[in-house]
Protein backbone atom coordinates (compact mmCIF):
# COMPACT_ATOMS: atom_id res chain seq x y z
CA UNK A 1 -211.04 172.22 -3.00
CA UNK A 2 -209.26 174.11 -0.30
CA UNK A 3 -212.46 174.20 1.61
CA UNK A 4 -212.82 170.41 1.61
CA UNK A 5 -209.20 169.90 2.71
CA UNK A 6 -209.72 172.29 5.57
CA UNK A 7 -212.81 170.48 6.71
CA UNK A 8 -210.95 167.13 6.66
CA UNK A 9 -208.13 168.51 8.76
CA UNK A 10 -210.64 169.92 11.21
CA UNK A 11 -212.37 166.53 11.57
CA UNK A 12 -209.05 164.77 12.07
CA UNK A 13 -208.09 167.25 14.76
CA UNK A 14 -211.33 166.56 16.61
CA UNK A 15 -210.91 162.75 16.40
CA UNK A 16 -207.35 162.55 17.79
CA UNK A 17 -208.25 163.55 21.41
CA UNK A 18 -211.02 160.95 21.49
CA UNK A 19 -208.64 158.22 20.27
CA UNK A 20 -206.05 159.20 22.89
CA UNK A 21 -208.68 158.99 25.67
CA UNK A 22 -209.85 155.63 24.42
CA UNK A 23 -206.29 154.13 24.34
CA UNK A 24 -205.55 155.49 27.82
CA UNK A 25 -208.64 153.73 29.26
CA UNK A 26 -207.69 150.45 27.61
CA UNK A 27 -204.13 150.65 28.95
CA UNK A 28 -205.33 151.24 32.54
CA UNK A 29 -207.72 148.22 32.67
CA UNK A 30 -204.99 145.54 33.23
CA UNK A 31 -203.46 147.67 35.93
CA UNK A 32 -206.86 147.95 37.65
CA UNK A 33 -207.45 144.13 37.50
CA UNK A 34 -203.99 143.39 38.90
CA UNK A 35 -204.59 145.81 41.72
CA UNK A 36 -207.88 144.09 42.54
CA UNK A 37 -206.21 140.64 42.62
CA UNK A 38 -203.41 141.92 44.88
CA UNK A 39 -206.00 143.42 47.18
CA UNK A 40 -208.00 140.12 47.33
CA UNK A 41 -204.95 138.03 48.31
CA UNK A 42 -204.88 137.67 52.14
CA UNK A 43 -201.56 138.81 53.61
CA UNK A 44 -199.82 136.60 56.22
CA UNK A 45 -201.29 136.78 59.73
CA UNK A 46 -204.78 137.73 58.67
CA UNK A 47 -207.89 136.38 60.48
CA UNK A 48 -208.50 134.04 57.53
CA UNK A 49 -205.11 132.36 57.91
CA UNK A 50 -205.61 132.13 61.68
CA UNK A 51 -208.98 130.45 61.12
CA UNK A 52 -207.41 127.93 58.73
CA UNK A 53 -204.62 127.18 61.22
CA UNK A 54 -207.09 126.72 64.08
CA UNK A 55 -209.20 124.35 62.00
CA UNK A 56 -206.14 122.29 61.09
CA UNK A 57 -205.11 122.08 64.75
CA UNK A 58 -208.64 121.10 65.76
CA UNK A 59 -208.69 118.26 63.24
CA UNK A 60 -205.29 117.05 64.40
CA UNK A 61 -206.52 117.00 68.01
CA UNK A 62 -209.62 115.04 67.03
CA UNK A 63 -207.50 112.49 65.18
CA UNK A 64 -205.20 112.08 68.20
CA UNK A 65 -208.16 111.63 70.58
CA UNK A 66 -209.69 109.04 68.26
CA UNK A 67 -206.44 107.07 68.25
CA UNK A 68 -206.26 107.09 72.07
CA UNK A 69 -209.95 106.19 72.38
CA UNK A 70 -209.63 103.29 69.95
CA UNK A 71 -206.71 101.86 71.97
CA UNK A 72 -208.65 102.16 75.23
CA UNK A 73 -211.72 100.55 73.69
CA UNK A 74 -209.58 97.63 72.47
CA UNK A 75 -208.18 97.08 75.98
CA UNK A 76 -211.65 97.23 77.52
CA UNK A 77 -213.02 94.80 74.95
CA UNK A 78 -210.21 92.34 75.74
CA UNK A 79 -210.88 92.65 79.47
CA UNK A 80 -214.60 92.07 78.92
CA UNK A 81 -213.82 89.03 76.75
CA UNK A 82 -211.62 87.54 79.48
CA UNK A 83 -214.28 88.25 82.11
CA UNK A 84 -216.89 86.57 79.93
CA UNK A 85 -214.69 83.47 79.65
CA UNK A 86 -214.22 83.36 83.42
CA UNK A 87 -217.95 83.73 84.00
CA UNK A 88 -218.63 80.90 81.56
CA UNK A 89 -216.21 78.57 83.39
CA UNK A 90 -217.71 79.55 86.75
CA UNK A 91 -221.18 78.90 85.40
CA UNK A 92 -220.15 75.44 84.23
CA UNK A 93 -218.64 74.65 87.65
CA UNK A 94 -221.76 75.86 89.44
CA UNK A 95 -223.90 73.78 87.11
CA UNK A 96 -221.82 70.65 87.72
CA UNK A 97 -221.86 71.18 91.50
CA UNK A 98 -225.60 71.73 91.45
CA UNK A 99 -226.03 68.50 89.50
CA UNK A 100 -223.96 66.54 92.01
CA UNK A 101 -225.87 68.00 94.95
CA UNK A 102 -229.15 67.17 93.26
CA UNK A 103 -228.07 63.57 92.73
CA UNK A 104 -226.92 63.30 96.35
CA UNK A 105 -230.20 64.76 97.63
CA UNK A 106 -232.19 62.39 95.45
CA UNK A 107 -230.18 59.40 96.69
CA UNK A 108 -230.65 60.51 100.28
CA UNK A 109 -234.38 60.95 99.71
CA UNK A 110 -234.67 57.47 98.28
CA UNK A 111 -232.70 56.01 101.19
CA UNK A 112 -233.92 57.91 104.24
CA UNK A 113 -233.12 55.01 106.59
CA UNK A 114 -229.44 54.63 105.61
CA UNK A 115 -227.75 55.37 108.92
CA UNK A 116 -224.14 55.26 110.11
CA UNK A 117 -223.30 54.77 113.77
CA UNK A 118 -219.75 55.01 115.17
CA UNK A 119 -219.10 53.50 118.60
CA UNK A 120 -216.14 53.41 120.97
CA UNK A 121 -215.35 50.93 123.73
CA UNK A 122 -212.39 49.85 125.81
CA UNK A 123 -211.48 46.84 127.90
CA UNK A 124 -211.16 47.19 131.66
CA UNK A 125 -207.36 47.19 131.51
CA UNK A 126 -207.17 50.14 129.09
CA UNK A 127 -210.20 52.20 130.11
CA UNK A 128 -208.44 54.28 132.75
CA UNK A 129 -205.61 55.24 130.37
CA UNK A 130 -207.79 56.90 127.69
CA UNK A 131 -207.41 60.68 127.52
CA UNK A 132 -209.31 62.02 124.47
CA UNK A 133 -211.08 60.87 121.28
CA UNK A 134 -211.32 62.60 117.88
CA UNK A 135 -213.52 61.34 115.02
CA UNK A 136 -213.40 62.30 111.34
CA UNK A 137 -215.81 61.07 108.65
CA UNK A 138 -215.05 61.66 104.96
CA UNK A 139 -212.46 64.31 105.83
CA UNK A 140 -214.76 66.33 108.10
CA UNK A 141 -214.04 66.69 111.82
CA UNK A 142 -217.17 65.10 113.25
CA UNK A 143 -216.54 65.05 116.98
CA UNK A 144 -213.85 65.57 119.59
CA UNK A 145 -214.18 64.79 123.29
CA UNK A 146 -212.08 64.55 126.43
CA UNK A 147 -212.95 61.35 128.28
CA UNK A 148 -214.24 61.95 131.80
CA UNK A 149 -213.73 59.72 134.82
CA UNK A 150 -217.39 58.66 134.63
CA UNK A 151 -216.94 57.57 131.01
CA UNK A 152 -213.77 55.65 131.86
CA UNK A 153 -215.65 53.80 134.59
CA UNK A 154 -218.41 52.95 132.11
CA UNK A 155 -215.82 51.65 129.64
CA UNK A 156 -214.32 49.51 132.40
CA UNK A 157 -217.62 47.64 132.91
CA UNK A 158 -218.14 47.00 129.17
CA UNK A 159 -220.13 50.08 128.04
CA UNK A 160 -219.78 51.60 124.57
CA UNK A 161 -220.13 55.29 123.74
CA UNK A 162 -221.81 56.37 120.50
CA UNK A 163 -219.59 59.07 118.96
CA UNK A 164 -221.72 59.64 115.85
CA UNK A 165 -225.13 58.66 114.49
CA UNK A 166 -226.67 60.16 111.37
CA UNK A 167 -228.19 59.59 107.93
CA UNK A 168 -225.65 59.05 105.17
CA UNK A 169 -225.57 58.02 101.54
CA UNK A 170 -225.40 54.29 100.79
CA UNK A 171 -221.81 54.64 99.62
CA UNK A 172 -218.34 53.87 101.04
CA UNK A 173 -217.24 56.25 103.80
CA UNK A 174 -213.77 56.88 105.24
CA UNK A 175 -213.73 56.95 109.04
CA UNK A 176 -210.71 57.99 111.11
CA UNK A 177 -210.51 57.70 114.89
CA UNK A 178 -207.65 59.16 116.94
CA UNK A 179 -207.43 58.08 120.57
CA UNK A 180 -204.96 59.28 123.19
CA UNK A 181 -203.81 56.36 125.35
CA UNK A 182 -201.28 56.96 128.11
CA UNK A 183 -200.61 60.37 126.59
CA UNK A 184 -199.71 58.88 123.17
CA UNK A 185 -202.05 59.28 120.15
CA UNK A 186 -203.16 56.19 118.24
CA UNK A 187 -204.96 56.50 114.93
CA UNK A 188 -206.94 53.95 112.93
CA UNK A 189 -208.41 54.53 109.44
CA UNK A 190 -211.16 52.34 108.03
CA UNK A 191 -213.38 52.50 104.95
CA UNK A 192 -216.87 51.08 105.34
CA UNK A 193 -219.76 50.96 102.88
CA UNK A 194 -223.07 52.03 104.43
CA UNK A 195 -225.80 49.51 103.66
CA UNK A 196 -228.97 51.01 102.17
CA UNK A 197 -232.14 50.91 104.26
CA UNK A 198 -230.16 49.75 107.29
CA UNK A 199 -227.94 50.91 110.13
CA UNK A 200 -224.20 50.34 109.58
CA UNK A 201 -222.23 50.14 112.83
CA UNK A 202 -218.50 50.84 113.10
CA UNK A 203 -216.99 50.19 116.53
CA UNK A 204 -213.51 51.22 117.60
CA UNK A 205 -212.08 49.75 120.80
CA UNK A 206 -208.94 49.74 122.87
CA UNK A 207 -207.89 46.17 123.57
CA UNK A 208 -204.66 45.44 125.40
CA UNK A 209 -203.61 49.05 124.84
CA UNK A 210 -204.11 48.92 121.04
CA UNK A 211 -206.79 50.48 118.85
CA UNK A 212 -208.90 47.98 116.86
CA UNK A 213 -212.06 48.21 114.72
CA UNK A 214 -215.07 46.07 113.77
CA UNK A 215 -218.21 46.80 111.70
CA UNK A 216 -221.60 45.23 110.95
CA UNK A 217 -225.03 46.22 109.60
CA UNK A 218 -228.51 45.72 110.97
CA UNK A 219 -232.02 46.26 109.64
CA UNK A 220 -233.11 46.93 113.20
CA UNK A 221 -232.61 50.55 114.34
CA UNK A 222 -231.52 49.49 117.87
CA UNK A 223 -229.93 46.04 117.81
CA UNK A 224 -228.83 46.18 121.45
């Protein structure tokens, strides 16, 4: 009996150190895990935090550039839209002008013998007092001349000077003659319709010191 009790005490004495070692290991495991987690956490100012900050700044810069670019693109698109509208209007004007020129050329082709002739004459009393002549047809300055002594002499004996002769459209034309008589300008405006397939004559003359005008048409190229 004593022998069995002694053996039990001996076994208990051998088991206690093992139990203490086992409890000590279990108590140290949470401390080890906490230490590992504290070690894994990146302290402030580490390369990882710097990388995150740089990435955030880079994305912010990209967003700012995109905002600026979008605004510039919108302005450029508006400018291109306005330019397109202007080009469209210009194209329409060019088309309309081309159409008018084509119609005028076709009318002129169909009436190649529609001619306008502008003459000037003066009576013997006024011939020597004429200084210069200026002719305008449909707003365009057609001719301007200073009358010479030879021309004045020709006017005095009944001659007429042809200031203009050319093919025109068979339409009304505005003709303006300005003559300087005794140093004073006199102007006469007339509107004459050119007869198709004929020569339309418009003659200005100085009679008794005043500027007058007559017109007629002829199927004959040279009626005189």
